[in-house]
PDB file of all heavy atoms in Angstrom:
ATOM      1  N   LEU A   1      17.486  20.829   4.168  1.00  0.00           N
ATOM      2  CA  LEU A   1      16.423  20.031   3.546  1.00  0.00           C
ATOM      3  C   LEU A   1      16.838  18.570   3.461  1.00  0.00           C
ATOM      4  O   LEU A   1      18.005  18.255   3.176  1.00  0.00           O
ATOM      5  CB  LEU A   1      16.143  20.533   2.126  1.00  0.00           C
ATOM      6  CG  LEU A   1      15.294  21.780   2.006  1.00  0.00           C
ATOM      7  CD1 LEU A   1      15.444  22.377   0.622  1.00  0.00           C
ATOM      8  CD2 LEU A   1      13.841  21.443   2.273  1.00  0.00           C
ATOM      9  N   TYR A   2      15.885  17.679   3.692  1.00  0.00           N
ATOM     10  CA  TYR A   2      16.100  16.242   3.593  1.00  0.00           C
ATOM     11  C   TYR A   2      14.962  15.681   2.749  1.00  0.00           C
ATOM     12  O   TYR A   2      13.802  16.058   2.950  1.00  0.00           O
ATOM     13  CB  TYR A   2      16.066  15.573   4.980  1.00  0.00           C
ATOM     14  CG  TYR A   2      17.124  16.102   5.932  1.00  0.00           C
ATOM     15  CD1 TYR A   2      16.847  17.181   6.752  1.00  0.00           C
ATOM     16  CD2 TYR A   2      18.382  15.512   5.993  1.00  0.00           C
ATOM     17  CE1 TYR A   2      17.812  17.664   7.646  1.00  0.00           C
ATOM     18  CE2 TYR A   2      19.346  15.990   6.863  1.00  0.00           C
ATOM     19  CZ  TYR A   2      19.051  17.066   7.682  1.00  0.00           C
ATOM     20  OH  TYR A   2      20.009  17.526   8.548  1.00  0.00           O
ATOM     21  N   ALA A   3      15.270  14.784   1.825  1.00  0.00           N
ATOM     22  CA  ALA A   3      14.255  14.163   0.980  1.00  0.00           C
ATOM     23  C   ALA A   3      14.313  12.643   1.129  1.00  0.00           C
ATOM     24  O   ALA A   3      15.388  12.060   1.329  1.00  0.00           O
ATOM     25  CB  ALA A   3      14.466  14.549  -0.477  1.00  0.00           C
ATOM     26  N   TYR A   4      13.135  12.021   1.014  1.00  0.00           N
ATOM     27  CA  TYR A   4      13.008  10.566   1.237  1.00  0.00           C
ATOM     28  C   TYR A   4      12.051   9.957   0.231  1.00  0.00           C
ATOM     29  O   TYR A   4      11.132  10.606  -0.255  1.00  0.00           O
ATOM     30  CB  TYR A   4      12.488  10.309   2.650  1.00  0.00           C
ATOM     31  CG  TYR A   4      13.445  10.807   3.707  1.00  0.00           C
ATOM     32  CD1 TYR A   4      13.325  12.110   4.183  1.00  0.00           C
ATOM     33  CD2 TYR A   4      14.450   9.993   4.199  1.00  0.00           C
ATOM     34  CE1 TYR A   4      14.226  12.593   5.127  1.00  0.00           C
ATOM     35  CE2 TYR A   4      15.336  10.472   5.146  1.00  0.00           C
ATOM     36  CZ  TYR A   4      15.219  11.755   5.598  1.00  0.00           C
ATOM     37  OH  TYR A   4      16.113  12.238   6.528  1.00  0.00           O
ATOM     38  N   ARG A   5      12.257   8.660  -0.009  1.00  0.00           N
ATOM     39  CA  ARG A   5      11.357   7.887  -0.866  1.00  0.00           C
ATOM     40  C   ARG A   5      11.096   6.542  -0.224  1.00  0.00           C
ATOM     41  O   ARG A   5      11.848   6.080   0.657  1.00  0.00           O
ATOM     42  CB  ARG A   5      11.956   7.689  -2.253  1.00  0.00           C
ATOM     43  CG  ARG A   5      13.142   6.735  -2.220  1.00  0.00           C
ATOM     44  CD  ARG A   5      13.647   6.447  -3.606  1.00  0.00           C
ATOM     45  NE  ARG A   5      14.725   5.449  -3.500  1.00  0.00           N
ATOM     46  CZ  ARG A   5      15.326   4.948  -4.509  1.00  0.00           C
ATOM     47  NH1 ARG A   5      14.985   5.312  -5.738  1.00  0.00           N
ATOM     48  NH2 ARG A   5      16.279   4.053  -4.350  1.00  0.00           N
ATOM     49  N   LEU A   6      10.067   5.878  -0.715  1.00  0.00           N
ATOM     50  CA  LEU A   6       9.775   4.510  -0.309  1.00  0.00           C
ATOM     51  C   LEU A   6      10.837   3.607  -0.942  1.00  0.00           C
ATOM     52  O   LEU A   6      11.155   3.739  -2.124  1.00  0.00           O
ATOM     53  CB  LEU A   6       8.383   4.124  -0.810  1.00  0.00           C
ATOM     54  CG  LEU A   6       7.832   2.774  -0.356  1.00  0.00           C
ATOM     55  CD1 LEU A   6       7.607   2.772   1.147  1.00  0.00           C
ATOM     56  CD2 LEU A   6       6.517   2.503  -1.079  1.00  0.00           C
ATOM     57  N   ALA A   7      11.403   2.713  -0.155  1.00  0.00           N
ATOM     58  CA  ALA A   7      12.402   1.782  -0.686  1.00  0.00           C
ATOM     59  C   ALA A   7      11.747   0.891  -1.729  1.00  0.00           C
ATOM     60  O   ALA A   7      10.630   0.405  -1.537  1.00  0.00           O
ATOM     61  CB  ALA A   7      12.977   0.937   0.450  1.00  0.00           C
ATOM     62  N   PRO A   8      12.405   0.682  -2.867  1.00  0.00           N
ATOM     63  CA  PRO A   8      11.828  -0.188  -3.902  1.00  0.00           C
ATOM     64  C   PRO A   8      11.415  -1.570  -3.371  1.00  0.00           C
ATOM     65  O   PRO A   8      10.404  -2.123  -3.807  1.00  0.00           O
ATOM     66  CB  PRO A   8      12.934  -0.299  -4.949  1.00  0.00           C
ATOM     67  CG  PRO A   8      13.708   0.987  -4.800  1.00  0.00           C
ATOM     68  CD  PRO A   8      13.677   1.274  -3.314  1.00  0.00           C
ATOM     69  N   ALA A   9      12.149  -2.117  -2.430  1.00  0.00           N
ATOM     70  CA  ALA A   9      11.807  -3.421  -1.857  1.00  0.00           C
ATOM     71  C   ALA A   9      10.488  -3.393  -1.080  1.00  0.00           C
ATOM     72  O   ALA A   9       9.878  -4.442  -0.878  1.00  0.00           O
ATOM     73  CB  ALA A   9      12.924  -3.901  -0.946  1.00  0.00           C
ATOM     74  N   ASP A  10      10.031  -2.199  -0.650  1.00  0.00           N
ATOM     75  CA  ASP A  10       8.795  -2.081   0.112  1.00  0.00           C
ATOM     76  C   ASP A  10       7.556  -1.855  -0.759  1.00  0.00           C
ATOM     77  O   ASP A  10       6.429  -1.892  -0.269  1.00  0.00           O
ATOM     78  CB  ASP A  10       8.879  -0.931   1.131  1.00  0.00           C
ATOM     79  CG  ASP A  10       9.635  -1.339   2.372  1.00  0.00           C
ATOM     80  OD1 ASP A  10       9.697  -2.550   2.672  1.00  0.00           O
ATOM     81  OD2 ASP A  10      10.143  -0.442   3.065  1.00  0.00           O
ATOM     82  N   ILE A  11       7.745  -1.631  -2.053  1.00  0.00           N
ATOM     83  CA  ILE A  11       6.609  -1.367  -2.926  1.00  0.00           C
ATOM     84  C   ILE A  11       5.614  -2.540  -2.948  1.00  0.00           C
ATOM     85  O   ILE A  11       4.411  -2.309  -2.856  1.00  0.00           O
ATOM     86  CB  ILE A  11       7.076  -0.947  -4.338  1.00  0.00           C
ATOM     87  CG1 ILE A  11       7.732   0.442  -4.223  1.00  0.00           C
ATOM     88  CG2 ILE A  11       5.917  -0.937  -5.327  1.00  0.00           C
ATOM     89  CD1 ILE A  11       8.365   0.950  -5.501  1.00  0.00           C
ATOM     90  N   PRO A  12       6.050  -3.803  -3.003  1.00  0.00           N
ATOM     91  CA  PRO A  12       5.065  -4.912  -2.955  1.00  0.00           C
ATOM     92  C   PRO A  12       4.261  -4.925  -1.642  1.00  0.00           C
ATOM     93  O   PRO A  12       3.067  -5.219  -1.642  1.00  0.00           O
ATOM     94  CB  PRO A  12       5.925  -6.175  -3.078  1.00  0.00           C
ATOM     95  CG  PRO A  12       7.155  -5.736  -3.788  1.00  0.00           C
ATOM     96  CD  PRO A  12       7.407  -4.329  -3.302  1.00  0.00           C
ATOM     97  N   ARG A  13       4.886  -4.574  -0.534  1.00  0.00           N
ATOM     98  CA  ARG A  13       4.181  -4.541   0.738  1.00  0.00           C
ATOM     99  C   ARG A  13       3.148  -3.402   0.748  1.00  0.00           C
ATOM    100  O   ARG A  13       2.036  -3.563   1.239  1.00  0.00           O
ATOM    101  CB  ARG A  13       5.188  -4.357   1.897  1.00  0.00           C
ATOM    102  CG  ARG A  13       4.592  -4.649   3.243  1.00  0.00           C
ATOM    103  CD  ARG A  13       5.640  -4.937   4.324  1.00  0.00           C
ATOM    104  NE  ARG A  13       6.676  -3.931   4.443  1.00  0.00           N
ATOM    105  CZ  ARG A  13       6.683  -2.991   5.380  1.00  0.00           C
ATOM    106  NH1 ARG A  13       5.740  -2.946   6.288  1.00  0.00           N
ATOM    107  NH2 ARG A  13       7.678  -2.145   5.442  1.00  0.00           N
ATOM    108  N   LEU A  14       3.499  -2.270   0.156  1.00  0.00           N
ATOM    109  CA  LEU A  14       2.538  -1.170   0.022  1.00  0.00           C
ATOM    110  C   LEU A  14       1.381  -1.607  -0.863  1.00  0.00           C
ATOM    111  O   LEU A  14       0.211  -1.337  -0.567  1.00  0.00           O
ATOM    112  CB  LEU A  14       3.214   0.072  -0.553  1.00  0.00           C
ATOM    113  CG  LEU A  14       2.271   1.236  -0.866  1.00  0.00           C
ATOM    114  CD1 LEU A  14       1.683   1.816   0.417  1.00  0.00           C
ATOM    115  CD2 LEU A  14       2.983   2.302  -1.678  1.00  0.00           C
ATOM    116  N   GLN A  15       1.685  -2.304  -1.956  1.00  0.00           N
ATOM    117  CA  GLN A  15       0.625  -2.763  -2.847  1.00  0.00           C
ATOM    118  C   GLN A  15      -0.291  -3.764  -2.140  1.00  0.00           C
ATOM    119  O   GLN A  15      -1.500  -3.740  -2.334  1.00  0.00           O
ATOM    120  CB  GLN A  15       1.186  -3.382  -4.127  1.00  0.00           C
ATOM    121  CG  GLN A  15       0.145  -3.660  -5.175  1.00  0.00           C
ATOM    122  CD  GLN A  15      -0.682  -2.428  -5.532  1.00  0.00           C
ATOM    123  OE1 GLN A  15      -0.148  -1.369  -5.822  1.00  0.00           O
ATOM    124  NE2 GLN A  15      -2.004  -2.561  -5.491  1.00  0.00           N
ATOM    125  N   HIS A  16       0.270  -4.647  -1.317  1.00  0.00           N
ATOM    126  CA  HIS A  16      -0.551  -5.579  -0.536  1.00  0.00           C
ATOM    127  C   HIS A  16      -1.494  -4.808   0.398  1.00  0.00           C
ATOM    128  O   HIS A  16      -2.668  -5.172   0.526  1.00  0.00           O
ATOM    129  CB  HIS A  16       0.329  -6.536   0.259  1.00  0.00           C
ATOM    130  CG  HIS A  16      -0.446  -7.463   1.129  1.00  0.00           C
ATOM    131  ND1 HIS A  16      -1.179  -8.513   0.618  1.00  0.00           N
ATOM    132  CD2 HIS A  16      -0.642  -7.478   2.479  1.00  0.00           C
ATOM    133  CE1 HIS A  16      -1.787  -9.140   1.624  1.00  0.00           C
ATOM    134  NE2 HIS A  16      -1.476  -8.525   2.756  1.00  0.00           N
ATOM    135  N   PHE A  17      -0.990  -3.773   1.040  1.00  0.00           N
ATOM    136  CA  PHE A  17      -1.841  -2.940   1.908  1.00  0.00           C
ATOM    137  C   PHE A  17      -2.987  -2.332   1.092  1.00  0.00           C
ATOM    138  O   PHE A  17      -4.138  -2.364   1.507  1.00  0.00           O
ATOM    139  CB  PHE A  17      -1.001  -1.827   2.557  1.00  0.00           C
ATOM    140  CG  PHE A  17      -1.796  -0.916   3.447  1.00  0.00           C
ATOM    141  CD1 PHE A  17      -1.992  -1.234   4.783  1.00  0.00           C
ATOM    142  CD2 PHE A  17      -2.352   0.255   2.950  1.00  0.00           C
ATOM    143  CE1 PHE A  17      -2.729  -0.410   5.607  1.00  0.00           C
ATOM    144  CE2 PHE A  17      -3.096   1.093   3.769  1.00  0.00           C
ATOM    145  CZ  PHE A  17      -3.271   0.754   5.116  1.00  0.00           C
ATOM    146  N   ARG A  18      -2.659  -1.794  -0.071  1.00  0.00           N
ATOM    147  CA  ARG A  18      -3.690  -1.218  -0.944  1.00  0.00           C
ATOM    148  C   ARG A  18      -4.721  -2.272  -1.360  1.00  0.00           C
ATOM    149  O   ARG A  18      -5.928  -2.003  -1.364  1.00  0.00           O
ATOM    150  CB  ARG A  18      -3.057  -0.615  -2.197  1.00  0.00           C
ATOM    151  CG  ARG A  18      -2.307   0.646  -1.977  1.00  0.00           C
ATOM    152  CD  ARG A  18      -1.690   1.062  -3.285  1.00  0.00           C
ATOM    153  NE  ARG A  18      -1.204   2.420  -3.238  1.00  0.00           N
ATOM    154  CZ  ARG A  18      -0.620   3.023  -4.240  1.00  0.00           C
ATOM    155  NH1 ARG A  18      -0.446   2.391  -5.389  1.00  0.00           N
ATOM    156  NH2 ARG A  18      -0.188   4.267  -4.133  1.00  0.00           N
ATOM    157  N   ASP A  19      -4.255  -3.449  -1.747  1.00  0.00           N
ATOM    158  CA  ASP A  19      -5.160  -4.519  -2.157  1.00  0.00           C
ATOM    159  C   ASP A  19      -6.095  -4.910  -1.023  1.00  0.00           C
ATOM    160  O   ASP A  19      -7.293  -5.138  -1.238  1.00  0.00           O
ATOM    161  CB  ASP A  19      -4.379  -5.749  -2.632  1.00  0.00           C
ATOM    162  CG  ASP A  19      -3.602  -5.492  -3.925  1.00  0.00           C
ATOM    163  OD1 ASP A  19      -3.882  -4.490  -4.618  1.00  0.00           O
ATOM    164  OD2 ASP A  19      -2.711  -6.304  -4.227  1.00  0.00           O
ATOM    165  N   THR A  20      -5.554  -4.986   0.198  1.00  0.00           N
ATOM    166  CA  THR A  20      -6.378  -5.318   1.370  1.00  0.00           C
ATOM    167  C   THR A  20      -7.438  -4.256   1.597  1.00  0.00           C
ATOM    168  O   THR A  20      -8.604  -4.564   1.857  1.00  0.00           O
ATOM    169  CB  THR A  20      -5.477  -5.469   2.619  1.00  0.00           C
ATOM    170  OG1 THR A  20      -4.510  -6.495   2.363  1.00  0.00           O
ATOM    171  CG2 THR A  20      -6.304  -5.826   3.845  1.00  0.00           C
ATOM    172  N   LEU A  21      -7.043  -2.993   1.477  1.00  0.00           N
ATOM    173  CA  LEU A  21      -7.996  -1.890   1.662  1.00  0.00           C
ATOM    174  C   LEU A  21      -9.076  -1.943   0.582  1.00  0.00           C
ATOM    175  O   LEU A  21     -10.263  -1.802   0.886  1.00  0.00           O
ATOM    176  CB  LEU A  21      -7.265  -0.552   1.650  1.00  0.00           C
ATOM    177  CG  LEU A  21      -8.132   0.693   1.842  1.00  0.00           C
ATOM    178  CD1 LEU A  21      -8.883   0.639   3.160  1.00  0.00           C
ATOM    179  CD2 LEU A  21      -7.295   1.946   1.754  1.00  0.00           C
ATOM    180  N   GLN A  22      -8.672  -2.167  -0.653  1.00  0.00           N
ATOM    181  CA  GLN A  22      -9.657  -2.249  -1.751  1.00  0.00           C
ATOM    182  C   GLN A  22     -10.627  -3.389  -1.523  1.00  0.00           C
ATOM    183  O   GLN A  22     -11.831  -3.255  -1.763  1.00  0.00           O
ATOM    184  CB  GLN A  22      -8.950  -2.406  -3.098  1.00  0.00           C
ATOM    185  CG  GLN A  22      -8.223  -1.171  -3.564  1.00  0.00           C
ATOM    186  CD  GLN A  22      -9.137   0.016  -3.810  1.00  0.00           C
ATOM    187  OE1 GLN A  22      -9.479   0.749  -2.877  1.00  0.00           O
ATOM    188  NE2 GLN A  22      -9.534   0.222  -5.041  1.00  0.00           N
ATOM    189  N   ALA A  23     -10.130  -4.538  -1.069  1.00  0.00           N
ATOM    190  CA  ALA A  23     -10.994  -5.693  -0.809  1.00  0.00           C
ATOM    191  C   ALA A  23     -11.996  -5.376   0.301  1.00  0.00           C
ATOM    192  O   ALA A  23     -13.169  -5.744   0.221  1.00  0.00           O
ATOM    193  CB  ALA A  23     -10.162  -6.901  -0.433  1.00  0.00           C
ATOM    194  N   LYS A  24     -11.552  -4.676   1.326  1.00  0.00           N
ATOM    195  CA  LYS A  24     -12.464  -4.307   2.424  1.00  0.00           C
ATOM    196  C   LYS A  24     -13.514  -3.317   1.942  1.00  0.00           C
ATOM    197  O   LYS A  24     -14.657  -3.340   2.391  1.00  0.00           O
ATOM    198  CB  LYS A  24     -11.676  -3.745   3.606  1.00  0.00           C
ATOM    199  CG  LYS A  24     -10.929  -4.815   4.380  1.00  0.00           C
ATOM    200  CD  LYS A  24     -10.257  -4.243   5.609  1.00  0.00           C
ATOM    201  CE  LYS A  24      -9.563  -5.292   6.414  1.00  0.00           C
ATOM    202  NZ  LYS A  24     -10.455  -6.252   7.037  1.00  0.00           N
ATOM    203  N   LYS A  25     -13.140  -2.435   1.042  1.00  0.00           N
ATOM    204  CA  LYS A  25     -14.109  -1.485   0.482  1.00  0.00           C
ATOM    205  C   LYS A  25     -15.154  -2.186  -0.366  1.00  0.00           C
ATOM    206  O   LYS A  25     -16.300  -1.782  -0.413  1.00  0.00           O
ATOM    207  CB  LYS A  25     -13.389  -0.423  -0.370  1.00  0.00           C
ATOM    208  CG  LYS A  25     -12.632   0.606   0.429  1.00  0.00           C
ATOM    209  CD  LYS A  25     -11.988   1.622  -0.506  1.00  0.00           C
ATOM    210  CE  LYS A  25     -11.271   2.713   0.283  1.00  0.00           C
ATOM    211  NZ  LYS A  25     -10.652   3.691  -0.609  1.00  0.00           N
ATOM    212  N   ALA A  26     -14.746  -3.267  -1.041  1.00  0.00           N
ATOM    213  CA  ALA A  26     -15.632  -3.962  -1.984  1.00  0.00           C
ATOM    214  C   ALA A  26     -16.440  -5.079  -1.360  1.00  0.00           C
ATOM    215  O   ALA A  26     -17.347  -5.614  -2.018  1.00  0.00           O
ATOM    216  CB  ALA A  26     -14.793  -4.535  -3.133  1.00  0.00           C
ATOM    217  N   ASP A  27     -16.189  -5.458  -0.119  1.00  0.00           N
ATOM    218  CA  ASP A  27     -16.848  -6.630   0.463  1.00  0.00           C
ATOM    219  C   ASP A  27     -18.277  -6.373   0.972  1.00  0.00           C
ATOM    220  O   ASP A  27     -18.897  -7.290   1.513  1.00  0.00           O
ATOM    221  CB  ASP A  27     -15.982  -7.280   1.542  1.00  0.00           C
ATOM    222  CG  ASP A  27     -15.913  -6.461   2.834  1.00  0.00           C
ATOM    223  OD1 ASP A  27     -16.592  -5.423   2.946  1.00  0.00           O
ATOM    224  OD2 ASP A  27     -15.157  -6.872   3.726  1.00  0.00           O
ATOM    225  N   GLY A  28     -18.765  -5.175   0.794  1.00  0.00           N
ATOM    226  CA  GLY A  28     -20.147  -4.890   1.193  1.00  0.00           C
ATOM    227  C   GLY A  28     -20.314  -4.434   2.636  1.00  0.00           C
ATOM    228  O   GLY A  28     -21.379  -4.012   3.044  1.00  0.00           O
ATOM    229  N   GLY A  29     -19.260  -4.519   3.413  1.00  0.00           N
ATOM    230  CA  GLY A  29     -19.302  -4.058   4.800  1.00  0.00           C
ATOM    231  C   GLY A  29     -19.115  -2.551   4.873  1.00  0.00           C
ATOM    232  O   GLY A  29     -19.054  -1.852   3.849  1.00  0.00           O
TER     233      GLY A  29
END
């Protein structure tokens, strides 16, 4: 068995991706 997590340094980049997706969902397109 091998287990993995997102590197703490990558969490802001993941949040930016989420924010971009949320903005695209909210822009009316």
